[in-house]
C-alpha cells in the first residue's frame, strides 16, 4: 500500500512525502519541489500575483 503524499508540487505534480523540504506559497497555498519548479509555477501565475498584490493609490 502506498503512503499518501504530504503535498503535491504545483508545477510538476510530483508527490512530496513527509520529511522532505519544499517551497510553500502561503498566498496561493501551493507547494513546489524546489526553486526551478517554483519559478515555473510563478511564471505561469504572475498575473494572479499582480492582481492580488498591486493597486493604484493616491499619494
N, C-alpha and C. Protein backbone atom coordinates (compact mmCIF):
# COMPACT_ATOMS: atom_id res chain seq x y z
N UNK A 1 0.85 -1.17 0.00
CA UNK A 1 0.00 0.00 0.00
C UNK A 1 0.90 1.24 0.00
N UNK A 2 0.62 2.22 -0.86
CA UNK A 2 1.43 3.42 -0.98
C UNK A 2 0.94 4.48 0.01
N UNK A 3 1.89 5.12 0.68
CA UNK A 3 1.54 6.17 1.64
C UNK A 3 1.06 7.40 0.90
N UNK A 4 0.13 8.10 1.50
CA UNK A 4 -0.39 9.34 0.92
C UNK A 4 0.68 10.42 1.02
N UNK A 5 0.91 11.17 -0.07
CA UNK A 5 1.92 12.24 -0.01
C UNK A 5 1.45 13.37 0.91
N UNK A 6 2.42 14.06 1.50
CA UNK A 6 2.10 15.20 2.37
C UNK A 6 1.63 16.38 1.53
N UNK A 7 2.13 16.49 0.29
CA UNK A 7 1.75 17.58 -0.62
C UNK A 7 2.09 17.15 -2.04
N UNK A 8 1.65 17.95 -3.01
CA UNK A 8 1.93 17.71 -4.42
C UNK A 8 2.49 19.00 -5.01
N UNK A 9 3.55 18.88 -5.79
CA UNK A 9 4.16 20.05 -6.43
C UNK A 9 3.17 20.67 -7.42
N UNK A 10 2.98 21.97 -7.33
CA UNK A 10 2.04 22.67 -8.20
C UNK A 10 2.54 22.76 -9.64
N UNK A 11 3.84 22.63 -9.86
CA UNK A 11 4.40 22.76 -11.20
C UNK A 11 4.49 21.42 -11.93
N UNK A 12 5.09 20.42 -11.27
CA UNK A 12 5.34 19.15 -11.96
C UNK A 12 4.48 18.00 -11.45
N UNK A 13 3.63 18.26 -10.47
CA UNK A 13 2.73 17.26 -9.88
C UNK A 13 3.44 16.10 -9.19
N UNK A 14 4.69 16.30 -8.79
CA UNK A 14 5.41 15.26 -8.06
C UNK A 14 4.85 15.13 -6.64
N UNK A 15 4.77 13.91 -6.15
CA UNK A 15 4.36 13.70 -4.77
C UNK A 15 5.49 14.12 -3.85
N UNK A 16 5.16 14.90 -2.83
CA UNK A 16 6.14 15.37 -1.86
C UNK A 16 5.87 14.66 -0.53
N UNK A 17 6.68 13.66 -0.21
CA UNK A 17 6.44 12.90 1.02
C UNK A 17 6.80 13.68 2.27
N UNK A 18 6.22 13.29 3.36
CA UNK A 18 6.52 13.90 4.65
C UNK A 18 8.00 13.70 4.96
N UNK A 19 8.63 14.71 5.52
CA UNK A 19 10.02 14.61 5.91
C UNK A 19 10.99 15.27 4.94
N UNK A 20 10.53 15.68 3.77
CA UNK A 20 11.43 16.36 2.83
C UNK A 20 11.10 17.85 2.84
N UNK A 21 11.99 18.65 2.32
CA UNK A 21 11.74 20.09 2.28
C UNK A 21 11.07 20.46 0.95
N UNK A 22 10.36 21.56 0.96
CA UNK A 22 9.66 22.05 -0.23
C UNK A 22 9.47 23.55 -0.06
N UNK A 23 9.09 24.21 -1.13
CA UNK A 23 8.77 25.64 -1.08
C UNK A 23 7.25 25.76 -0.97
N UNK A 24 6.79 26.58 -0.03
CA UNK A 24 5.35 26.76 0.18
C UNK A 24 4.97 28.21 -0.07
N UNK A 25 3.94 28.42 -0.86
CA UNK A 25 3.41 29.75 -1.13
C UNK A 25 2.14 29.90 -0.30
N UNK A 26 2.19 30.72 0.76
CA UNK A 26 1.05 30.86 1.65
C UNK A 26 -0.08 31.70 1.06
N UNK A 27 0.20 32.51 0.04
CA UNK A 27 -0.86 33.29 -0.59
C UNK A 27 -1.78 32.39 -1.42
N UNK A 28 -1.20 31.55 -2.26
CA UNK A 28 -1.98 30.66 -3.11
C UNK A 28 -2.10 29.26 -2.52
N UNK A 29 -1.42 29.01 -1.41
CA UNK A 29 -1.46 27.71 -0.73
C UNK A 29 -1.06 26.56 -1.65
N UNK A 30 0.11 26.71 -2.28
CA UNK A 30 0.65 25.67 -3.15
C UNK A 30 2.08 25.34 -2.73
N UNK A 31 2.53 24.14 -3.07
CA UNK A 31 3.88 23.67 -2.79
C UNK A 31 4.63 23.50 -4.10
N UNK A 32 5.96 23.64 -4.03
CA UNK A 32 6.83 23.38 -5.17
C UNK A 32 8.01 22.55 -4.67
N UNK A 33 8.51 21.64 -5.51
CA UNK A 33 9.63 20.76 -5.12
C UNK A 33 10.90 21.54 -4.82
N UNK A 34 11.15 22.57 -5.60
CA UNK A 34 12.37 23.34 -5.45
C UNK A 34 12.26 24.64 -6.22
N UNK A 35 13.36 25.35 -6.30
CA UNK A 35 13.32 26.68 -6.93
C UNK A 35 12.99 26.64 -8.41
N UNK A 36 13.40 25.61 -9.14
CA UNK A 36 13.08 25.56 -10.57
C UNK A 36 11.58 25.37 -10.78
N UNK A 37 10.97 24.51 -10.00
CA UNK A 37 9.51 24.32 -10.11
C UNK A 37 8.78 25.58 -9.64
N UNK A 38 9.29 26.19 -8.57
CA UNK A 38 8.67 27.43 -8.08
C UNK A 38 8.70 28.50 -9.16
N UNK A 39 9.85 28.66 -9.83
CA UNK A 39 9.99 29.67 -10.88
C UNK A 39 9.03 29.39 -12.03
N UNK A 40 8.90 28.13 -12.39
CA UNK A 40 7.98 27.73 -13.48
C UNK A 40 6.54 28.06 -13.09
N UNK A 41 6.14 27.68 -11.87
CA UNK A 41 4.78 27.93 -11.42
C UNK A 41 4.51 29.43 -11.35
N UNK A 42 5.46 30.19 -10.80
CA UNK A 42 5.28 31.63 -10.66
C UNK A 42 5.14 32.30 -12.03
N UNK A 43 5.95 31.90 -12.99
CA UNK A 43 5.88 32.49 -14.34
C UNK A 43 4.49 32.31 -14.94
N UNK A 44 3.87 31.18 -14.68
CA UNK A 44 2.53 30.92 -15.21
C UNK A 44 1.44 31.64 -14.42
N UNK A 45 1.73 32.06 -13.20
CA UNK A 45 0.72 32.67 -12.32
C UNK A 45 1.04 34.10 -11.90
N UNK A 46 1.98 34.73 -12.60
CA UNK A 46 2.41 36.09 -12.26
C UNK A 46 1.25 37.08 -12.31
N UNK A 47 0.37 36.95 -13.28
CA UNK A 47 -0.76 37.88 -13.40
C UNK A 47 -1.65 37.82 -12.15
N UNK A 48 -1.85 36.63 -11.61
CA UNK A 48 -2.64 36.49 -10.38
C UNK A 48 -1.99 37.20 -9.21
N UNK A 49 -0.67 37.12 -9.11
CA UNK A 49 0.04 37.83 -8.06
C UNK A 49 -0.15 39.33 -8.20
N UNK A 50 0.00 39.81 -9.42
CA UNK A 50 -0.13 41.25 -9.63
C UNK A 50 -1.53 41.73 -9.28
N UNK A 51 -2.55 40.96 -9.64
CA UNK A 51 -3.93 41.34 -9.31
C UNK A 51 -4.15 41.38 -7.80
N UNK A 52 -3.54 40.49 -7.06
CA UNK A 52 -3.75 40.43 -5.63
C UNK A 52 -2.89 41.39 -4.83
N UNK A 53 -1.71 41.75 -5.34
CA UNK A 53 -0.75 42.49 -4.55
C UNK A 53 -0.44 43.89 -5.06
N UNK A 54 -1.02 44.32 -6.15
CA UNK A 54 -0.75 45.68 -6.63
C UNK A 54 -2.06 46.44 -6.79
N UNK A 55 -1.99 47.74 -6.60
CA UNK A 55 -3.16 48.57 -6.75
C UNK A 55 -2.72 50.01 -7.00
N UNK A 56 -3.58 50.77 -7.59
CA UNK A 56 -3.31 52.19 -7.80
C UNK A 56 -3.64 52.94 -6.51
N UNK A 57 -2.79 53.86 -6.12
CA UNK A 57 -3.01 54.64 -4.90
C UNK A 57 -2.77 56.12 -5.17
N UNK A 58 -3.44 56.96 -4.42
CA UNK A 58 -3.20 58.40 -4.48
C UNK A 58 -2.13 58.75 -3.46
N UNK A 59 -1.15 59.51 -3.89
CA UNK A 59 -0.07 59.93 -2.98
C UNK A 59 -0.26 61.35 -2.53
